[in-house]
Amino acid sequence: IREELESAGSAILYHEGLRAGKEAFKQLIKYVKNRSYVEVLRFSALIWRSLGFGLISFPEFNVDKGYVRVRIQNNFECRLFKGSTEPQSHFTRGLIAGWLEEFLNCRLTSKEVKCIAVGDPYCEIVFRKT
């Protein structure tokens, strides 16, 4: 998709991830309702890891401000693009954005600030409430 459609392909991947993330949260919440947000994050991280997507953590998670910093070690998507000159977490960023938008009940912007594809030790994405 990226080779054929270039930046449009990246946008498609992001929006497909966004849709999938929203649906994933709706399914997840059926099993973890009435749990603290910390427990929901822990459970989500276990699922992420079990799917082979990498190790995800949430170094900053401020529900009131709508600010989340997510760190992913060994990101499944970016492993494919090592040696790139720019971050490559388009699907991953969308997937997490969709999940977080459902969880926080708000729209978010996102920016990948670190990426293993460009040589960083992990991928890191910052999400902010719009």
C-alpha atoms as a PDB file:
ATOM      1  CA  ILE A   1       0.000   0.000   0.000  1.00  0.00           C
ATOM      2  CA  ARG A   2       2.763   2.429   0.952  1.00  0.00           C
ATOM      3  CA  GLU A   3       4.795   1.691  -2.171  1.00  0.00           C
ATOM      4  CA  GLU A   4       1.862   2.119  -4.535  1.00  0.00           C
ATOM      5  CA  LEU A   5       0.028   5.000  -2.865  1.00  0.00           C
ATOM      6  CA  GLU A   6       2.849   6.729  -0.934  1.00  0.00           C
ATOM      7  CA  SER A   7       1.443   9.206   1.637  1.00  0.00           C
ATOM      8  CA  ALA A   8      -2.143   8.285   0.713  1.00  0.00           C
ATOM      9  CA  GLY A   9      -1.290   4.684   1.613  1.00  0.00           C
ATOM     10  CA  SER A  10      -0.037   5.794   5.018  1.00  0.00           C
ATOM     11  CA  ALA A  11      -3.281   7.716   5.577  1.00  0.00           C
ATOM     12  CA  ILE A  12      -5.329   4.643   4.626  1.00  0.00           C
ATOM     13  CA  LEU A  13      -3.350   2.508   7.073  1.00  0.00           C
ATOM     14  CA  TYR A  14      -3.888   5.072   9.829  1.00  0.00           C
ATOM     15  CA  HIS A  15      -7.661   5.239   9.265  1.00  0.00           C
ATOM     16  CA  GLU A  16      -8.020   1.462   9.036  1.00  0.00           C
ATOM     17  CA  GLY A  17      -6.106   1.212  12.309  1.00  0.00           C
ATOM     18  CA  LEU A  18      -8.340   3.889  13.851  1.00  0.00           C
ATOM     19  CA  ARG A  19     -11.463   1.949  12.938  1.00  0.00           C
ATOM     20  CA  ALA A  20      -9.996  -1.341  14.170  1.00  0.00           C
ATOM     21  CA  GLY A  21      -8.862   0.264  17.450  1.00  0.00           C
ATOM     22  CA  LYS A  22     -12.323   1.645  18.173  1.00  0.00           C
ATOM     23  CA  GLU A  23     -13.893  -1.763  17.570  1.00  0.00           C
ATOM     24  CA  ALA A  24     -11.227  -3.526  19.644  1.00  0.00           C
ATOM     25  CA  PHE A  25     -11.959  -1.280  22.626  1.00  0.00           C
ATOM     26  CA  LYS A  26     -15.717  -1.876  22.321  1.00  0.00           C
ATOM     27  CA  GLN A  27     -15.087  -5.623  22.464  1.00  0.00           C
ATOM     28  CA  LEU A  28     -12.527  -5.372  25.268  1.00  0.00           C
ATOM     29  CA  ILE A  29     -14.727  -3.274  27.546  1.00  0.00           C
ATOM     30  CA  LYS A  30     -17.324  -6.062  27.636  1.00  0.00           C
ATOM     31  CA  TYR A  31     -14.802  -8.128  29.597  1.00  0.00           C
ATOM     32  CA  VAL A  32     -13.196  -5.488  31.784  1.00  0.00           C
ATOM     33  CA  LYS A  33     -16.050  -3.123  32.659  1.00  0.00           C
ATOM     34  CA  ASN A  34     -16.097  -1.886  36.235  1.00  0.00           C
ATOM     35  CA  ARG A  35     -12.292  -2.092  36.368  1.00  0.00           C
ATOM     36  CA  SER A  36      -9.913   0.756  37.071  1.00  0.00           C
ATOM     37  CA  TYR A  37      -8.248   2.362  34.081  1.00  0.00           C
ATOM     38  CA  VAL A  38      -4.914   0.971  35.285  1.00  0.00           C
ATOM     39  CA  GLU A  39      -6.308  -2.568  35.098  1.00  0.00           C
ATOM     40  CA  VAL A  40      -7.726  -1.903  31.634  1.00  0.00           C
ATOM     41  CA  LEU A  41      -4.291  -0.688  30.472  1.00  0.00           C
ATOM     42  CA  ARG A  42      -2.535  -3.724  31.931  1.00  0.00           C
ATOM     43  CA  PHE A  43      -4.980  -6.108  30.294  1.00  0.00           C
ATOM     44  CA  SER A  44      -4.657  -4.286  26.970  1.00  0.00           C
ATOM     45  CA  ALA A  45      -0.862  -4.481  27.129  1.00  0.00           C
ATOM     46  CA  LEU A  46      -1.090  -8.251  27.654  1.00  0.00           C
ATOM     47  CA  ILE A  47      -3.344  -8.610  24.617  1.00  0.00           C
ATOM     48  CA  TRP A  48      -1.033  -6.423  22.524  1.00  0.00           C
ATOM     49  CA  ARG A  49       1.940  -8.580  23.471  1.00  0.00           C
ATOM     50  CA  SER A  50       0.118 -11.883  22.922  1.00  0.00           C
ATOM     51  CA  LEU A  51      -0.783 -10.785  19.372  1.00  0.00           C
ATOM     52  CA  GLY A  52       2.902 -10.223  18.609  1.00  0.00           C
ATOM     53  CA  PHE A  53       2.520  -6.459  18.199  1.00  0.00           C
ATOM     54  CA  GLY A  54       5.401  -5.688  20.579  1.00  0.00           C
ATOM     55  CA  LEU A  55       5.645  -4.578  24.188  1.00  0.00           C
ATOM     56  CA  ILE A  56       3.402  -1.582  24.847  1.00  0.00           C
ATOM     57  CA  SER A  57       3.503   0.647  27.906  1.00  0.00           C
ATOM     58  CA  PHE A  58       1.922   3.921  28.935  1.00  0.00           C
ATOM     59  CA  PRO A  59       4.606   6.080  30.605  1.00  0.00           C
ATOM     60  CA  GLU A  60       2.151   8.999  30.817  1.00  0.00           C
ATOM     61  CA  PHE A  61      -1.612   8.644  30.968  1.00  0.00           C
ATOM     62  CA  ASN A  62      -3.560  11.705  32.116  1.00  0.00           C
ATOM     63  CA  VAL A  63      -7.292  11.120  31.770  1.00  0.00           C
ATOM     64  CA  ASP A  64      -8.231  14.645  32.900  1.00  0.00           C
ATOM     65  CA  LYS A  65      -5.968  16.401  30.397  1.00  0.00           C
ATOM     66  CA  GLY A  66      -6.512  13.872  27.619  1.00  0.00           C
ATOM     67  CA  TYR A  67      -2.768  13.337  27.258  1.00  0.00           C
ATOM     68  CA  VAL A  68      -1.195   9.944  26.699  1.00  0.00           C
ATOM     69  CA  ARG A  69       2.355   8.932  25.844  1.00  0.00           C
ATOM     70  CA  VAL A  70       2.659   5.381  24.553  1.00  0.00           C
ATOM     71  CA  ARG A  71       5.892   3.443  24.173  1.00  0.00           C
ATOM     72  CA  ILE A  72       6.191   0.325  22.011  1.00  0.00           C
ATOM     73  CA  GLN A  73       9.272  -1.859  22.044  1.00  0.00           C
ATOM     74  CA  ASN A  74       9.772  -4.112  19.019  1.00  0.00           C
ATOM     75  CA  ASN A  75       6.797  -2.571  17.175  1.00  0.00           C
ATOM     76  CA  PHE A  76       5.558  -5.128  14.628  1.00  0.00           C
ATOM     77  CA  GLU A  77       4.900  -2.495  11.951  1.00  0.00           C
ATOM     78  CA  CYS A  78       8.144  -0.548  12.229  1.00  0.00           C
ATOM     79  CA  ARG A  79      10.372  -3.643  12.294  1.00  0.00           C
ATOM     80  CA  LEU A  80       9.616  -3.898   8.570  1.00  0.00           C
ATOM     81  CA  PHE A  81      10.992  -0.445   7.788  1.00  0.00           C
ATOM     82  CA  LYS A  82      14.317  -0.264   9.627  1.00  0.00           C
ATOM     83  CA  GLY A  83      16.619   2.189   7.896  1.00  0.00           C
ATOM     84  CA  SER A  84      13.778   4.573   7.071  1.00  0.00           C
ATOM     85  CA  THR A  85      14.234   8.331   7.299  1.00  0.00           C
ATOM     86  CA  GLU A  86      10.851   8.929   8.967  1.00  0.00           C
ATOM     87  CA  PRO A  87       8.579   7.227  11.520  1.00  0.00           C
ATOM     88  CA  GLN A  88       6.450   4.394  10.141  1.00  0.00           C
ATOM     89  CA  SER A  89       3.764   3.605  12.765  1.00  0.00           C
ATOM     90  CA  HIS A  90       0.785   4.589  10.652  1.00  0.00           C
ATOM     91  CA  PHE A  91      -1.441   1.551  11.284  1.00  0.00           C
ATOM     92  CA  THR A  92      -0.196   1.189  14.864  1.00  0.00           C
ATOM     93  CA  ARG A  93      -0.764   4.880  15.607  1.00  0.00           C
ATOM     94  CA  GLY A  94      -4.307   4.621  14.236  1.00  0.00           C
ATOM     95  CA  LEU A  95      -5.016   1.442  16.175  1.00  0.00           C
ATOM     96  CA  ILE A  96      -3.957   3.013  19.458  1.00  0.00           C
ATOM     97  CA  ALA A  97      -5.709   6.317  18.641  1.00  0.00           C
ATOM     98  CA  GLY A  98      -9.005   4.523  18.010  1.00  0.00           C
ATOM     99  CA  TRP A  99      -8.678   2.536  21.211  1.00  0.00           C
ATOM    100  CA  LEU A 100      -7.835   5.661  23.240  1.00  0.00           C
ATOM    101  CA  GLU A 101     -10.590   7.774  21.659  1.00  0.00           C
ATOM    102  CA  GLU A 102     -13.158   5.199  22.767  1.00  0.00           C
ATOM    103  CA  PHE A 103     -11.561   4.881  26.202  1.00  0.00           C
ATOM    104  CA  LEU A 104     -11.301   8.628  26.822  1.00  0.00           C
ATOM    105  CA  ASN A 105     -14.468   9.491  24.882  1.00  0.00           C
ATOM    106  CA  CYS A 106     -12.802  12.303  22.924  1.00  0.00           C
ATOM    107  CA  ARG A 107     -10.988  12.994  19.663  1.00  0.00           C
ATOM    108  CA  LEU A 108      -7.200  12.891  19.744  1.00  0.00           C
ATOM    109  CA  THR A 109      -4.293  14.060  17.662  1.00  0.00           C
ATOM    110  CA  SER A 110      -1.172  11.941  17.551  1.00  0.00           C
ATOM    111  CA  LYS A 111       2.474  12.286  16.698  1.00  0.00           C
ATOM    112  CA  GLU A 112       5.121   9.620  16.599  1.00  0.00           C
ATOM    113  CA  VAL A 113       8.146  11.168  18.288  1.00  0.00           C
ATOM    114  CA  LYS A 114      10.444   8.116  18.268  1.00  0.00           C
ATOM    115  CA  CYS A 115      10.554   5.143  15.930  1.00  0.00           C
ATOM    116  CA  ILE A 116      12.665   2.014  15.635  1.00  0.00           C
ATOM    117  CA  ALA A 117      12.466   2.382  11.838  1.00  0.00           C
ATOM    118  CA  VAL A 118      14.739   5.453  12.068  1.00  0.00           C
ATOM    119  CA  GLY A 119      17.058   3.930  14.668  1.00  0.00           C
ATOM    120  CA  ASP A 120      15.425   4.858  17.980  1.00  0.00           C
ATOM    121  CA  PRO A 121      15.424   2.122  20.646  1.00  0.00           C
ATOM    122  CA  TYR A 122      11.588   2.061  20.718  1.00  0.00           C
ATOM    123  CA  CYS A 123       8.599   3.740  19.140  1.00  0.00           C
ATOM    124  CA  GLU A 124       6.871   6.467  21.110  1.00  0.00           C
ATOM    125  CA  ILE A 125       3.616   8.179  20.209  1.00  0.00           C
ATOM    126  CA  VAL A 126       2.075  11.182  21.935  1.00  0.00           C
ATOM    127  CA  PHE A 127      -1.710  11.616  21.922  1.00  0.00           C
ATOM    128  CA  ARG A 128      -3.488  14.840  22.841  1.00  0.00           C
ATOM    129  CA  LYS A 129      -7.140  15.699  23.166  1.00  0.00           C
ATOM    130  CA  THR A 130      -8.301  18.049  20.389  1.00  0.00           C
END
